[in-house]
Amino acid sequence: MSDRVSAINLTRELIRFDTVNPPGNERGCAEYLGRLLEQAGFSVSYHEFAQRRASLVARIGGKPDRLPICFTGHIDTVPLGAMPWSMDPFAADSDNGRLYGRGSSDMKSGVAAFVVAVLALAPKLARGPGVLLVITAGEETGCEGAYHLARQGDALGRAGAIVVAEPTSNYPYVGHKGALWLTACTRGVTAHGSMPERGVNAVYKAAHAIAKLERFDFGVPPHEVLGRPTLNVGTVRGGLNINSVPDQAEIGIDIRTIPGQDHEALRTRLADFLGAEVEFSTVATVGSVWTDPAETWVQQIFGITSSILGESPQLRTASYFSDASALTPACGGPPTLILGPGEPDMAHQTDEYCLLERIEQAVEINIRIVQQWCKH
């Protein structure tokens, strides 16, 4: 192990790239990883959907009768937030077993762990069924990079299984809910605030809509593991000044969906429920992901993680969405697990960190996953 790239050091290097999204600027980070992979024999391509916004696809090996295994992760991060950090968010400093920095858990440690794992196995992988790496830009704002790749047609190809290295503390998750983000707009007629009877108050209309949203019925039974779909009003904006009747208001709606829900049909159901005075526009739509835990490959991964974590995995799912919403269907619908070294509770937090021990642990898990895949 001593002669290979250190996953901890690679995580540090990735954190030092400022890829806060917006604006993202992920290309430099993608190229850094691409050079490492090319030197190990991977073929590499970059897919840019906006200036300096590039995703990386890397491949090695392959057999006509076996599909490759895919590892995926994103290299953009969320903004730093309003609260001051006690650690420099781009210095990648460590203290007391923790590696600090924006993206340390979500999810540059996950990307580093699978890159280091496949670099260690590269000579053997060139003769095996193959590995596909998909390292994306723009995940945090609705999986832009992953959907761009999916639309390219020939950028990805099929995969036999997918590991998404989002933060799970190295615990395998079998799925996540989808997300439908909507903006609901109400309109009115402006007037002087001292004569409200001469106007139509769009904020009042929005308030009535919000009250109704609390009673919205999705009309579907809960999923056996993912549970029920949810709806949250996350933002309300209306009016330009206190002494005018507002003629427009906007409501930001965050819906989390379960397998079997069609987002377009759900939007229509919601529009019918709120009535004609509410106009809708879609901000983002990403599908849910679910893999039957009885799948042979899933059980193999459960065995690998239990031997390293010291406990048998129970069925768990992620509360967040991931690039698997785009990549799993684009790669032919293979079994998909979410499995990475980051701490789920640290995602998007001030003073975000990842445990150093988890990073090395993730490398070993990923090595065993690849070795298992190449056995047959």
Protein backbone atom coordinates (compact mmCIF):
# COMPACT_ATOMS: atom_id res chain seq x y z
CA MET A 1 0.00 0.00 0.00
CA SER A 2 2.91 2.37 0.68
CA ASP A 3 3.82 2.72 -3.01
CA ARG A 4 0.41 3.92 -4.13
CA VAL A 5 -1.14 7.36 -4.11
CA SER A 6 -2.45 8.23 -0.64
CA ALA A 7 -6.23 8.74 -0.58
CA ILE A 8 -5.85 11.22 2.27
CA ASN A 9 -3.34 13.29 0.32
CA LEU A 10 -5.50 13.13 -2.80
CA THR A 11 -8.49 14.31 -0.79
CA ARG A 12 -6.38 17.25 0.41
CA GLU A 13 -5.47 18.15 -3.17
CA LEU A 14 -9.10 18.02 -4.29
CA ILE A 15 -10.27 20.19 -1.39
CA ARG A 16 -7.72 22.84 -2.38
CA PHE A 17 -9.54 23.30 -5.68
CA ASP A 18 -12.26 25.89 -5.05
CA THR A 19 -15.22 24.31 -6.83
CA VAL A 20 -17.99 26.06 -4.93
CA ASN A 21 -21.14 25.92 -7.05
CA PRO A 22 -22.09 28.46 -8.22
CA PRO A 23 -19.95 29.11 -10.21
CA GLY A 24 -18.40 25.61 -10.01
CA ASN A 25 -15.26 25.98 -12.10
CA GLU A 26 -14.70 22.22 -11.86
CA ARG A 27 -12.57 21.74 -14.97
CA GLY A 28 -9.20 22.23 -13.26
CA CYS A 29 -10.06 19.65 -10.63
CA ALA A 30 -11.33 17.23 -13.28
CA GLU A 31 -8.12 17.64 -15.31
CA TYR A 32 -5.98 16.98 -12.23
CA LEU A 33 -7.76 13.66 -11.71
CA GLY A 34 -7.68 12.92 -15.42
CA ARG A 35 -3.90 13.20 -15.55
CA LEU A 36 -3.52 10.72 -12.68
CA LEU A 37 -5.82 8.25 -14.40
CA GLU A 38 -4.22 8.65 -17.83
CA GLN A 39 -0.81 7.90 -16.34
CA ALA A 40 -2.25 4.61 -15.03
CA GLY A 41 -3.60 3.56 -18.42
CA PHE A 42 -7.17 4.88 -18.30
CA SER A 43 -8.72 6.48 -21.36
CA VAL A 44 -10.11 9.86 -20.35
CA SER A 45 -12.63 12.28 -21.83
CA TYR A 46 -13.96 15.64 -20.63
CA HIS A 47 -17.53 16.80 -21.16
CA GLU A 48 -18.13 20.51 -20.71
CA PHE A 49 -21.71 21.80 -20.32
CA ALA A 50 -20.67 25.41 -19.58
CA GLN A 51 -17.42 27.37 -19.49
CA ARG A 52 -15.00 25.70 -17.03
CA ARG A 53 -17.79 23.26 -16.03
CA ALA A 54 -16.44 19.87 -17.08
CA SER A 55 -17.23 16.30 -16.03
CA LEU A 56 -14.70 13.51 -16.43
CA VAL A 57 -15.34 10.01 -17.80
CA ALA A 58 -12.50 7.47 -17.49
CA ARG A 59 -12.36 3.82 -18.57
CA ILE A 60 -10.02 0.88 -18.37
CA GLY A 61 -10.33 -2.73 -19.51
CA GLY A 62 -13.50 -4.34 -20.77
CA LYS A 63 -14.77 -7.65 -22.14
CA PRO A 64 -17.50 -8.22 -24.71
CA ASP A 65 -19.40 -10.60 -22.41
CA ARG A 66 -19.12 -8.57 -19.18
CA LEU A 67 -20.25 -5.06 -18.32
CA PRO A 68 -17.89 -2.78 -16.33
CA ILE A 69 -18.51 -1.66 -12.80
CA CYS A 70 -19.03 2.09 -12.42
CA PHE A 71 -17.91 4.40 -9.63
CA THR A 72 -19.24 7.93 -9.58
CA GLY A 73 -18.89 11.11 -7.56
CA HIS A 74 -19.12 14.86 -7.97
CA ILE A 75 -16.41 17.47 -7.46
CA ASP A 76 -18.52 20.61 -7.03
CA THR A 77 -19.42 21.79 -3.54
CA VAL A 78 -22.03 24.01 -1.96
CA PRO A 79 -21.19 27.58 -0.86
CA LEU A 80 -19.49 28.18 2.48
CA GLY A 81 -22.54 29.68 4.20
CA ALA A 82 -22.91 32.81 6.30
CA MET A 83 -21.29 31.51 9.49
CA PRO A 84 -17.52 31.96 9.80
CA TRP A 85 -15.34 28.84 9.64
CA SER A 86 -12.83 28.12 12.39
CA MET A 87 -10.70 26.25 9.81
CA ASP A 88 -9.68 27.49 6.36
CA PRO A 89 -12.23 25.75 4.08
CA PHE A 90 -9.67 25.27 1.29
CA ALA A 91 -6.50 24.50 3.27
CA ALA A 92 -7.38 20.83 3.93
CA ASP A 93 -5.94 20.94 7.44
CA SER A 94 -6.35 18.00 9.78
CA ASP A 95 -6.74 17.82 13.54
CA ASN A 96 -7.67 15.04 15.94
CA GLY A 97 -8.30 12.50 13.20
CA ARG A 98 -10.43 14.85 11.10
CA LEU A 99 -9.70 16.34 7.68
CA TYR A 100 -11.40 19.73 7.35
CA GLY A 101 -12.54 21.59 4.28
CA ARG A 102 -15.47 22.32 2.01
CA GLY A 103 -16.18 19.09 0.17
CA SER A 104 -14.23 16.89 2.59
CA SER A 105 -17.28 14.72 3.28
CA ASP A 106 -19.50 15.82 0.40
CA MET A 107 -17.77 14.33 -1.45
CA LYS A 108 -14.14 14.76 -2.45
CA SER A 109 -13.01 12.07 0.00
CA GLY A 110 -15.34 9.63 -1.76
CA VAL A 111 -13.92 10.51 -5.17
CA ALA A 112 -10.35 10.22 -3.86
CA ALA A 113 -11.07 6.82 -2.31
CA PHE A 114 -12.36 5.18 -5.48
CA VAL A 115 -9.71 6.82 -7.67
CA VAL A 116 -6.93 5.53 -5.42
CA ALA A 117 -8.53 2.07 -5.33
CA VAL A 118 -8.62 1.73 -9.12
CA LEU A 119 -5.13 3.21 -9.51
CA ALA A 120 -3.83 0.46 -7.23
CA LEU A 121 -5.51 -2.20 -9.37
CA ALA A 122 -4.98 -0.62 -12.81
CA PRO A 123 -2.60 -3.25 -14.29
CA LYS A 124 -5.08 -6.05 -13.53
CA LEU A 125 -8.12 -3.99 -14.54
CA ALA A 126 -6.78 -3.56 -18.05
CA ARG A 127 -7.28 -7.32 -18.57
CA GLY A 128 -10.64 -7.61 -16.82
CA PRO A 129 -14.31 -6.70 -17.37
CA GLY A 130 -13.48 -3.06 -16.89
CA VAL A 131 -14.13 -0.07 -14.69
CA LEU A 132 -15.99 3.10 -15.62
CA LEU A 133 -15.41 6.26 -13.57
CA VAL A 134 -17.87 9.14 -13.87
CA ILE A 135 -16.70 12.26 -12.00
CA THR A 136 -19.23 15.02 -12.43
CA ALA A 137 -19.61 18.76 -12.26
CA GLY A 138 -22.77 20.50 -11.17
CA GLU A 139 -24.37 17.85 -8.94
CA GLU A 140 -25.30 20.24 -6.14
CA THR A 141 -27.65 22.27 -8.36
CA GLY A 142 -29.72 19.41 -9.75
CA CYS A 143 -27.21 16.94 -11.26
CA GLU A 144 -26.50 19.19 -14.26
CA GLY A 145 -23.29 17.42 -15.24
CA ALA A 146 -24.75 13.93 -14.92
CA TYR A 147 -27.83 14.79 -16.99
CA HIS A 148 -25.58 16.42 -19.59
CA LEU A 149 -23.63 13.15 -19.85
CA ALA A 150 -26.83 11.12 -20.06
CA ARG A 151 -27.99 13.23 -23.00
CA GLN A 152 -24.76 12.66 -24.94
CA GLY A 153 -25.77 9.15 -25.92
CA ASP A 154 -22.31 7.61 -26.30
CA ALA A 155 -20.54 9.26 -23.35
CA LEU A 156 -21.37 6.57 -20.80
CA GLY A 157 -22.47 3.22 -22.18
CA ARG A 158 -23.90 0.45 -20.05
CA ALA A 159 -22.63 -0.61 -16.62
CA GLY A 160 -23.21 -3.78 -14.63
CA ALA A 161 -23.38 -2.02 -11.25
CA ILE A 162 -22.88 1.49 -9.87
CA VAL A 163 -21.30 2.70 -6.63
CA VAL A 164 -22.10 6.32 -5.75
CA ALA A 165 -19.48 7.60 -3.31
CA GLU A 166 -21.74 10.09 -1.51
CA PRO A 167 -21.22 10.38 2.28
CA THR A 168 -22.52 7.30 4.15
CA SER A 169 -19.72 6.69 6.71
CA ASN A 170 -18.89 3.66 4.52
CA TYR A 171 -22.29 2.12 5.21
CA PRO A 172 -24.07 0.81 2.08
CA TYR A 173 -27.37 2.54 1.23
CA VAL A 174 -29.79 0.90 -1.19
CA GLY A 175 -31.53 4.00 -2.51
CA HIS A 176 -32.72 7.56 -2.11
CA LYS A 177 -35.80 9.63 -2.79
CA GLY A 178 -36.21 11.77 -5.88
CA ALA A 179 -36.66 15.53 -5.80
CA LEU A 180 -39.07 17.84 -7.58
CA TRP A 181 -38.39 21.52 -6.92
CA LEU A 182 -41.07 23.93 -8.04
CA THR A 183 -41.66 27.66 -7.98
CA ALA A 184 -45.32 28.55 -7.51
CA CYS A 185 -46.22 32.12 -8.50
CA THR A 186 -49.30 34.13 -7.57
CA ARG A 187 -50.19 37.45 -9.22
CA GLY A 188 -52.24 40.45 -8.12
CA VAL A 189 -52.75 44.13 -8.78
CA THR A 190 -50.59 46.72 -7.09
CA ALA A 191 -52.00 49.73 -5.24
CA HIS A 192 -50.97 52.15 -2.51
CA GLY A 193 -50.68 50.45 0.86
CA SER A 194 -53.16 52.91 2.38
CA MET A 195 -55.80 51.85 -0.17
CA PRO A 196 -55.55 48.03 -0.30
CA GLU A 197 -59.14 47.77 -1.53
CA ARG A 198 -57.95 49.13 -4.89
CA GLY A 199 -55.46 46.29 -5.39
CA VAL A 200 -55.29 42.49 -5.33
CA ASN A 201 -52.77 41.17 -2.84
CA ALA A 202 -50.58 38.41 -4.32
CA VAL A 203 -49.09 37.62 -0.90
CA TYR A 204 -52.56 36.78 0.45
CA LYS A 205 -53.03 34.42 -2.49
CA ALA A 206 -49.70 32.81 -1.73
CA ALA A 207 -50.64 32.45 1.94
CA HIS A 208 -53.85 30.67 1.00
CA ALA A 209 -51.88 28.36 -1.30
CA ILE A 210 -49.36 27.57 1.45
CA ALA A 211 -52.17 26.72 3.88
CA LYS A 212 -53.59 24.32 1.30
CA LEU A 213 -50.19 22.74 0.68
CA GLU A 214 -50.12 21.53 4.29
CA ARG A 215 -53.13 19.35 3.43
CA PHE A 216 -51.88 18.03 0.08
CA ASP A 217 -52.40 14.30 -0.38
CA PHE A 218 -49.96 12.54 -2.70
CA GLY A 219 -52.41 9.69 -3.18
CA VAL A 220 -49.75 6.95 -3.07
CA PRO A 221 -48.92 4.35 -0.41
CA PRO A 222 -45.56 4.63 1.37
CA HIS A 223 -42.53 2.75 0.09
CA GLU A 224 -41.49 -0.18 2.29
CA VAL A 225 -38.12 1.41 3.14
CA LEU A 226 -38.09 4.97 1.75
CA GLY A 227 -41.39 5.79 3.42
CA ARG A 228 -43.77 8.50 2.28
CA PRO A 229 -43.18 11.32 -0.19
CA THR A 230 -42.81 14.70 1.47
CA LEU A 231 -43.52 18.34 0.64
CA ASN A 232 -41.85 21.37 2.18
CA VAL A 233 -42.33 25.08 1.51
CA GLY A 234 -38.76 26.33 1.65
CA THR A 235 -39.01 29.96 0.50
CA VAL A 236 -41.63 32.71 0.26
CA ARG A 237 -40.98 35.97 -1.54
CA GLY A 238 -43.41 38.77 -2.26
CA GLY A 239 -43.71 42.52 -2.46
CA LEU A 240 -41.18 45.23 -3.15
CA ASN A 241 -41.97 47.72 -0.41
CA ILE A 242 -44.05 47.81 2.76
CA ASN A 243 -46.47 50.54 1.63
CA SER A 244 -47.67 48.90 -1.59
CA VAL A 245 -50.06 46.06 -2.32
CA PRO A 246 -47.80 43.32 -3.75
CA ASP A 247 -48.68 42.22 -7.27
CA GLN A 248 -46.50 39.08 -7.27
CA ALA A 249 -45.41 36.41 -4.80
CA GLU A 250 -43.35 33.24 -5.18
CA ILE A 251 -43.34 30.04 -3.17
CA GLY A 252 -40.41 27.58 -3.34
CA ILE A 253 -41.66 24.01 -2.99
CA ASP A 254 -39.36 21.04 -2.27
CA ILE A 255 -41.01 17.66 -2.93
CA ARG A 256 -39.21 14.38 -2.25
CA THR A 257 -40.63 11.44 -4.17
CA ILE A 258 -40.55 7.65 -3.95
CA PRO A 259 -40.23 5.00 -6.68
CA GLY A 260 -43.26 4.85 -8.96
CA GLN A 261 -44.10 8.56 -8.79
CA ASP A 262 -44.09 10.38 -12.12
CA HIS A 263 -42.95 13.96 -11.60
CA GLU A 264 -44.94 15.46 -14.46
CA ALA A 265 -48.13 13.77 -13.27
CA LEU A 266 -47.38 14.96 -9.73
CA ARG A 267 -46.94 18.54 -10.90
CA THR A 268 -50.30 18.33 -12.71
CA ARG A 269 -51.96 16.93 -9.57
CA LEU A 270 -50.54 19.77 -7.49
CA ALA A 271 -51.63 22.42 -10.03
CA ASP A 272 -55.16 21.04 -10.05
CA PHE A 273 -55.19 21.04 -6.25
CA LEU A 274 -54.13 24.70 -5.92
CA GLY A 275 -56.22 26.00 -8.82
CA ALA A 276 -55.73 28.33 -11.75
CA GLU A 277 -54.49 31.32 -9.72
CA VAL A 278 -51.17 29.57 -9.03
CA GLU A 279 -48.62 29.26 -11.85
CA PHE A 280 -45.87 26.66 -11.69
CA SER A 281 -42.34 26.42 -13.07
CA THR A 282 -39.92 23.55 -12.49
CA VAL A 283 -36.57 24.37 -10.89
CA ALA A 284 -35.17 20.82 -10.79
CA THR A 285 -36.41 17.27 -11.22
CA VAL A 286 -34.37 14.18 -10.31
CA GLY A 287 -35.73 10.68 -9.94
CA SER A 288 -35.60 8.32 -6.99
CA VAL A 289 -33.20 5.36 -6.88
CA TRP A 290 -33.93 1.96 -5.40
CA THR A 291 -32.10 -1.36 -5.62
CA ASP A 292 -33.61 -4.60 -4.33
CA PRO A 293 -31.42 -5.56 -1.36
CA ALA A 294 -31.86 -9.23 -2.33
CA GLU A 295 -29.74 -8.62 -5.45
CA THR A 296 -26.70 -10.95 -5.42
CA TRP A 297 -24.26 -8.07 -5.95
CA VAL A 298 -25.82 -6.05 -3.12
CA GLN A 299 -25.43 -8.98 -0.76
CA GLN A 300 -21.79 -9.32 -1.81
CA ILE A 301 -21.18 -5.65 -0.96
CA PHE A 302 -22.97 -6.08 2.36
CA GLY A 303 -20.52 -8.90 3.10
CA ILE A 304 -17.51 -6.75 2.18
CA THR A 305 -18.60 -3.79 4.31
CA SER A 306 -19.62 -5.91 7.29
CA SER A 307 -16.15 -7.50 7.42
CA ILE A 308 -14.56 -4.04 7.53
CA LEU A 309 -17.12 -2.14 9.63
CA GLY A 310 -17.65 -5.00 12.07
CA GLU A 311 -21.44 -5.01 11.76
CA SER A 312 -23.99 -6.49 9.39
CA PRO A 313 -25.68 -3.76 7.34
CA GLN A 314 -29.36 -3.06 7.90
CA LEU A 315 -31.47 -1.54 5.15
CA ARG A 316 -30.72 2.17 4.91
CA THR A 317 -31.43 4.86 2.33
CA ALA A 318 -30.10 8.38 1.82
CA SER A 319 -32.14 11.48 2.60
CA TYR A 320 -30.41 13.39 -0.22
CA PHE A 321 -30.51 12.75 -3.98
CA SER A 322 -27.48 11.87 -6.09
CA ASP A 323 -26.19 11.68 -9.66
CA ALA A 324 -27.56 8.12 -9.77
CA SER A 325 -30.90 9.74 -10.65
CA ALA A 326 -29.40 10.46 -14.07
CA LEU A 327 -26.66 7.85 -14.38
CA THR A 328 -28.49 4.67 -13.33
CA PRO A 329 -31.11 4.86 -16.10
CA ALA A 330 -28.51 6.13 -18.59
CA CYS A 331 -26.28 3.10 -17.87
CA GLY A 332 -29.08 0.58 -18.39
CA GLY A 333 -30.65 0.47 -14.92
CA PRO A 334 -28.00 -1.60 -13.07
CA PRO A 335 -28.07 -2.25 -9.30
CA THR A 336 -26.85 0.89 -7.55
CA LEU A 337 -25.48 1.45 -4.05
CA ILE A 338 -24.55 4.67 -2.28
CA LEU A 339 -21.35 4.11 -0.35
CA GLY A 340 -18.67 6.61 0.61
CA PRO A 341 -16.38 7.68 3.48
CA GLY A 342 -17.88 11.09 4.20
CA GLU A 343 -19.98 11.80 7.26
CA PRO A 344 -23.63 12.34 6.20
CA ASP A 345 -24.24 14.85 8.99
CA MET A 346 -21.29 16.96 7.81
CA ALA A 347 -22.65 17.59 4.31
CA HIS A 348 -23.11 21.34 3.68
CA GLN A 349 -22.06 22.20 7.26
CA THR A 350 -19.74 24.93 8.52
CA ASP A 351 -16.37 23.38 9.44
CA GLU A 352 -17.18 20.32 7.32
CA TYR A 353 -14.82 17.41 7.94
CA CYS A 354 -14.24 13.77 7.07
CA LEU A 355 -12.65 11.21 9.38
CA LEU A 356 -9.18 10.21 8.17
CA GLU A 357 -9.83 6.61 9.21
CA ARG A 358 -12.92 6.45 6.99
CA ILE A 359 -10.98 7.50 3.91
CA GLU A 360 -8.48 4.65 4.16
CA GLN A 361 -11.30 2.29 5.05
CA ALA A 362 -13.15 3.33 1.88
CA VAL A 363 -10.12 2.55 -0.27
CA GLU A 364 -10.03 -1.00 1.09
CA ILE A 365 -13.79 -1.42 0.56
CA ASN A 366 -13.53 -0.19 -3.03
CA ILE A 367 -10.56 -2.44 -3.77
CA ARG A 368 -12.51 -5.45 -2.55
CA ILE A 369 -15.57 -4.40 -4.55
CA VAL A 370 -13.52 -4.22 -7.75
CA GLN A 371 -11.74 -7.50 -7.01
CA GLN A 372 -15.10 -9.20 -6.42
CA TRP A 373 -16.42 -7.81 -9.70
CA CYS A 374 -13.40 -9.09 -11.62
CA LYS A 375 -13.65 -12.65 -10.25
CA HIS A 376 -16.35 -13.83 -12.63
